[in-house]
Amino acid sequence: MAAPIRVLVVDDYDPWRRFIRLTLLAQERLQIVGEATDGPEALRQVQELQPDLILLDIGLSTSNGIEVARHIRAVSPKSCILFVSENRSLEIVEEALSTGAGGYVVKSNAASELLRAVKTVMEGGQFVSSSVAGYKPTGSEDQQVHSQLHAERLGVAGREITHRHGVKFYPDDSALVAGFAGFIGATLKSGNPVVVLATPSHRTSIAKRLKEEGVDSGAAVEQKRYIPLDAADSLATFRLAEHLTEEAATAAQSRNLRVGVG
């Protein structure tokens, strides 16, 4: 049996760390050996644990994740680094990868891309999220990078929004609520709007979980950044969701944001 992959998670947002735990725990080989919320604690744990893989956010509360990555190289050169951030700036992505990191996953894409990214990085490859438009590997036009650049124009002001469809299965309602709440919280925290289709009981549980984590979903609803819909309405709901998603996308374009749909 292959040796476990020992993972350190570095992120200052608790719901997101919970989402990461739920995602990784579904894989027998992935073992979370530690969590940190800032740079100094991350470096202490890296030096002590010497993890195989570090999932590292950029916008930490007291540190810049890119600088933390450079220090990690000094204390644990064999550890692989995979950045997980909502920032899609091409310059930031290139700077992050210049530290020697093996990949960069955009948080909004993590449900469908994180495990693939982990596998790619641990096999010695490089992974860049599909929503980082325009990324090209340094030094070679032909170098293979696990990045799919699929963009569809919405036809407004020449801006583009990436469309992605992902499917995730949860073992029970508790995991589903935690996963949705983590995704919604991360999306709202980044300033992006999100449309969610869920049953009444799931919507209530998600709202409760968001409140527990300090996310003001009520204010987000009033601002039309969080649009919870009833999945039981079937076709009518999907038609309305399509209309509202287009409205949210149009509103988001003025600030070059993305729309999350769950």
Protein backbone atom coordinates (compact mmCIF):
# COMPACT_ATOMS: atom_id res chain seq x y z
CA MET A 1 0.00 0.00 0.00
CA ALA A 2 1.30 3.46 -0.92
CA ALA A 3 2.48 5.71 1.90
CA PRO A 4 0.01 8.41 2.98
CA ILE A 5 0.42 11.95 1.70
CA ARG A 6 0.81 14.18 4.76
CA VAL A 7 -0.93 17.53 4.23
CA LEU A 8 -0.69 20.86 6.07
CA VAL A 9 -3.56 23.31 5.46
CA VAL A 10 -2.76 27.02 5.83
CA ASP A 11 -5.80 29.33 5.67
CA ASP A 12 -7.29 31.85 8.10
CA TYR A 13 -10.94 31.13 7.17
CA ASP A 14 -12.38 28.34 9.33
CA PRO A 15 -15.28 27.32 7.02
CA TRP A 16 -12.81 26.93 4.18
CA ARG A 17 -10.52 24.72 6.25
CA ARG A 18 -13.57 22.61 7.11
CA PHE A 19 -14.37 22.29 3.40
CA ILE A 20 -10.78 21.20 2.75
CA ARG A 21 -10.98 18.61 5.53
CA LEU A 22 -14.20 17.13 4.13
CA THR A 23 -12.74 17.03 0.62
CA LEU A 24 -9.45 15.40 1.61
CA LEU A 25 -10.87 12.96 4.15
CA ALA A 26 -12.75 11.25 1.33
CA GLN A 27 -9.36 10.12 -0.01
CA GLU A 28 -7.70 7.39 2.06
CA ARG A 29 -4.19 8.40 1.05
CA LEU A 30 -4.53 12.06 2.02
CA GLN A 31 -3.84 12.69 5.70
CA ILE A 32 -4.18 16.17 7.25
CA VAL A 33 -1.40 16.44 9.83
CA GLY A 34 -1.86 20.09 10.77
CA GLU A 35 -3.66 23.38 10.20
CA ALA A 36 -2.39 26.95 10.53
CA THR A 37 -4.06 30.34 10.22
CA ASP A 38 -1.05 32.61 9.71
CA GLY A 39 2.51 32.64 8.43
CA PRO A 40 4.52 32.22 11.65
CA GLU A 41 2.39 29.28 12.80
CA ALA A 42 2.59 27.74 9.33
CA LEU A 43 6.39 27.95 9.32
CA ARG A 44 6.58 26.45 12.81
CA GLN A 45 4.44 23.50 11.77
CA VAL A 46 6.25 23.05 8.46
CA GLN A 47 9.59 22.84 10.25
CA GLU A 48 8.22 20.43 12.84
CA LEU A 49 6.07 18.20 10.61
CA GLN A 50 7.93 18.31 7.26
CA PRO A 51 4.64 17.66 5.38
CA ASP A 52 4.55 16.19 1.89
CA LEU A 53 2.07 18.81 0.69
CA ILE A 54 1.09 22.30 1.86
CA LEU A 55 -2.22 23.83 0.78
CA LEU A 56 -1.50 27.54 1.12
CA ASP A 57 -3.74 30.60 0.87
CA ILE A 58 -2.27 33.92 -0.24
CA GLY A 59 -4.37 36.40 1.77
CA LEU A 60 -3.55 35.32 5.32
CA SER A 61 -4.56 37.60 8.20
CA THR A 62 -1.01 38.56 9.21
CA SER A 63 1.10 37.35 6.31
CA ASN A 64 1.44 37.19 2.55
CA GLY A 65 1.22 33.56 1.46
CA ILE A 66 3.75 34.08 -1.34
CA GLU A 67 6.37 35.28 1.14
CA VAL A 68 5.47 32.38 3.43
CA ALA A 69 6.10 29.98 0.53
CA ARG A 70 9.59 31.41 0.04
CA HIS A 71 10.39 30.80 3.71
CA ILE A 72 8.92 27.29 3.50
CA ARG A 73 11.45 26.47 0.79
CA ALA A 74 14.23 27.15 3.31
CA VAL A 75 12.87 25.03 6.17
CA SER A 76 11.31 22.17 4.20
CA PRO A 77 12.61 22.07 0.61
CA LYS A 78 11.02 18.70 -0.14
CA SER A 79 7.48 19.83 0.69
CA CYS A 80 5.24 20.42 -2.33
CA ILE A 81 3.21 23.65 -2.26
CA LEU A 82 -0.23 24.08 -3.82
CA PHE A 83 -1.69 27.57 -3.60
CA VAL A 84 -5.47 27.73 -3.04
CA SER A 85 -6.74 31.29 -3.39
CA GLU A 86 -9.67 33.22 -4.83
CA ASN A 87 -7.28 35.68 -6.51
CA ARG A 88 -7.27 35.20 -10.31
CA SER A 89 -4.73 37.91 -11.16
CA LEU A 90 -2.30 36.52 -13.74
CA GLU A 91 0.54 38.47 -12.14
CA ILE A 92 -0.23 37.00 -8.70
CA VAL A 93 -0.45 33.47 -10.13
CA GLU A 94 2.91 33.81 -11.87
CA GLU A 95 4.53 35.28 -8.75
CA ALA A 96 3.11 32.45 -6.63
CA LEU A 97 4.46 29.80 -9.01
CA SER A 98 7.85 31.54 -9.11
CA THR A 99 8.36 30.35 -5.51
CA GLY A 100 8.61 26.79 -6.82
CA ALA A 101 5.02 25.92 -5.96
CA GLY A 102 3.53 23.08 -7.97
CA GLY A 103 0.13 24.57 -8.61
CA TYR A 104 -2.54 27.21 -8.14
CA VAL A 105 -6.23 26.42 -7.56
CA VAL A 106 -8.90 29.11 -7.51
CA LYS A 107 -11.14 28.50 -4.48
CA SER A 108 -14.35 28.76 -6.49
CA ASN A 109 -13.05 25.90 -8.65
CA ALA A 110 -11.83 23.75 -5.77
CA ALA A 111 -14.85 21.42 -5.63
CA SER A 112 -13.99 20.06 -9.07
CA GLU A 113 -10.26 20.78 -9.32
CA LEU A 114 -8.61 20.39 -5.91
CA LEU A 115 -8.13 16.62 -5.92
CA ARG A 116 -6.89 16.66 -9.51
CA ALA A 117 -4.47 19.42 -8.58
CA VAL A 118 -3.17 17.46 -5.57
CA LYS A 119 -2.62 14.38 -7.73
CA THR A 120 -0.86 16.37 -10.44
CA VAL A 121 1.43 18.23 -8.04
CA MET A 122 2.35 15.09 -6.08
CA GLU A 123 3.26 13.39 -9.36
CA GLY A 124 5.66 16.22 -10.16
CA GLY A 125 3.44 18.10 -12.59
CA GLN A 126 2.06 21.61 -12.54
CA PHE A 127 -1.60 22.54 -12.21
CA VAL A 128 -3.20 25.93 -12.83
CA SER A 129 -6.93 26.48 -12.39
CA SER A 130 -9.12 26.66 -15.46
CA SER A 131 -10.34 30.15 -14.52
CA VAL A 132 -6.87 31.73 -14.67
CA ALA A 133 -7.32 32.97 -18.21
CA GLY A 134 -4.21 33.72 -20.23
CA TYR A 135 -1.72 31.74 -18.15
CA LYS A 136 1.19 30.24 -20.08
CA PRO A 137 4.02 28.25 -18.48
CA THR A 138 7.29 30.11 -18.23
CA GLY A 139 9.96 29.23 -20.77
CA SER A 140 8.01 27.10 -23.24
CA GLU A 141 4.94 27.56 -25.38
CA ASP A 142 4.58 23.80 -25.68
CA GLN A 143 5.02 22.79 -22.04
CA GLN A 144 2.02 20.81 -20.80
CA VAL A 145 0.13 22.48 -17.97
CA HIS A 146 -3.08 21.10 -16.48
CA SER A 147 -5.01 24.27 -17.19
CA GLN A 148 -8.16 24.42 -19.28
CA LEU A 149 -9.00 27.88 -20.49
CA HIS A 150 -12.68 27.70 -21.41
CA ALA A 151 -14.38 31.09 -21.68
CA GLU A 152 -17.72 32.09 -23.15
CA ARG A 153 -18.63 35.68 -23.89
CA LEU A 154 -21.77 37.05 -22.28
CA GLY A 155 -21.72 39.81 -24.86
CA VAL A 156 -21.53 42.73 -22.41
CA ALA A 157 -18.84 45.39 -22.67
CA GLY A 158 -16.33 42.94 -24.09
CA ARG A 159 -15.82 41.25 -20.71
CA GLU A 160 -15.57 37.48 -20.32
CA ILE A 161 -16.77 35.22 -17.52
CA THR A 162 -15.59 31.63 -17.28
CA HIS A 163 -18.34 29.00 -17.13
CA ARG A 164 -17.68 25.77 -15.25
CA HIS A 165 -19.89 22.85 -14.29
CA GLY A 166 -18.87 20.51 -11.49
CA VAL A 167 -20.54 17.64 -9.64
CA LYS A 168 -19.71 16.69 -6.06
CA PHE A 169 -21.20 13.87 -4.00
CA TYR A 170 -21.63 14.08 -0.21
CA PRO A 171 -21.97 11.10 2.16
CA ASP A 172 -24.77 12.73 4.21
CA ASP A 173 -26.73 15.94 4.79
CA SER A 174 -24.25 17.25 7.34
CA ALA A 175 -21.38 17.01 4.86
CA LEU A 176 -23.53 18.59 2.14
CA VAL A 177 -24.45 21.55 4.36
CA ALA A 178 -20.83 22.01 5.47
CA GLY A 179 -19.60 21.83 1.88
CA PHE A 180 -22.19 24.29 0.58
CA ALA A 181 -21.65 26.68 3.50
CA GLY A 182 -17.89 26.60 2.96
CA PHE A 183 -18.30 27.32 -0.75
CA ILE A 184 -20.90 30.06 -0.19
CA GLY A 185 -18.91 31.68 2.61
CA ALA A 186 -15.69 31.70 0.58
CA THR A 187 -17.53 33.12 -2.46
CA LEU A 188 -19.23 35.90 -0.48
CA LYS A 189 -16.00 36.68 1.40
CA SER A 190 -14.26 37.22 -1.91
CA GLY A 191 -16.97 39.74 -2.87
CA ASN A 192 -18.53 37.57 -5.56
CA PRO A 193 -22.28 36.84 -5.82
CA VAL A 194 -23.64 33.29 -5.51
CA VAL A 195 -26.90 31.61 -6.56
CA VAL A 196 -27.87 28.45 -4.61
CA LEU A 197 -30.60 25.91 -5.38
CA ALA A 198 -31.47 23.81 -2.33
CA THR A 199 -34.42 22.32 -0.45
CA PRO A 200 -36.01 24.43 2.33
CA SER A 201 -34.41 22.33 5.08
CA HIS A 202 -30.98 22.56 3.46
CA ARG A 203 -31.34 26.33 2.97
CA THR A 204 -32.23 26.72 6.66
CA SER A 205 -29.26 24.60 7.74
CA ILE A 206 -26.91 26.46 5.40
CA ALA A 207 -28.11 29.84 6.72
CA LYS A 208 -27.57 28.64 10.29
CA ARG A 209 -24.05 27.40 9.49
CA LEU A 210 -23.19 30.66 7.74
CA LYS A 211 -24.39 32.63 10.78
CA GLU A 212 -22.27 30.47 13.09
CA GLU A 213 -19.25 31.29 10.96
CA GLY A 214 -19.93 35.03 11.04
CA VAL A 215 -21.23 35.34 7.48
CA ASP A 216 -24.13 37.81 7.23
CA SER A 217 -26.20 35.97 4.62
CA GLY A 218 -29.20 38.27 5.28
CA ALA A 219 -27.23 41.34 4.25
CA ALA A 220 -25.89 39.45 1.23
CA VAL A 221 -29.48 38.59 0.21
CA GLU A 222 -30.50 42.25 0.49
CA GLN A 223 -27.53 43.23 -1.64
CA LYS A 224 -28.53 40.53 -4.19
CA ARG A 225 -25.13 38.89 -3.78
CA TYR A 226 -26.63 35.75 -2.22
CA ILE A 227 -29.69 34.35 -4.02
CA PRO A 228 -31.08 31.17 -2.36
CA LEU A 229 -33.71 29.35 -4.44
CA ASP A 230 -36.00 26.37 -3.79
CA ALA A 231 -34.86 23.36 -5.79
CA ALA A 232 -38.30 21.77 -5.42
CA ASP A 233 -39.76 24.17 -7.95
CA SER A 234 -37.99 22.18 -10.66
CA LEU A 235 -38.15 23.65 -14.17
CA ALA A 236 -39.60 26.98 -13.09
CA THR A 237 -36.79 27.36 -10.59
CA PHE A 238 -34.13 26.61 -13.14
CA ARG A 239 -35.58 29.16 -15.54
CA LEU A 240 -35.67 31.73 -12.77
CA ALA A 241 -32.16 30.74 -11.69
CA GLU A 242 -30.92 31.26 -15.23
CA HIS A 243 -32.49 34.71 -15.31
CA LEU A 244 -31.14 35.67 -11.87
CA THR A 245 -27.71 34.29 -12.66
CA GLU A 246 -27.60 36.50 -15.77
CA GLU A 247 -28.67 39.47 -13.63
CA ALA A 248 -26.01 38.69 -11.05
CA ALA A 249 -23.40 38.27 -13.80
CA THR A 250 -24.33 41.61 -15.33
CA ALA A 251 -24.07 43.30 -11.93
CA ALA A 252 -20.76 41.59 -11.24
CA GLN A 253 -19.11 42.68 -14.49
CA SER A 254 -18.75 46.29 -13.42
CA ARG A 255 -16.25 45.07 -10.82
CA ASN A 256 -14.86 42.16 -12.85
CA LEU A 257 -16.29 39.59 -10.43
CA ARG A 258 -17.55 36.03 -10.91
CA VAL A 259 -20.85 34.42 -10.02
CA GLY A 260 -20.94 31.22 -7.96
CA VAL A 261 -23.83 28.80 -8.50
CA GLY A 262 -24.45 25.93 -6.10
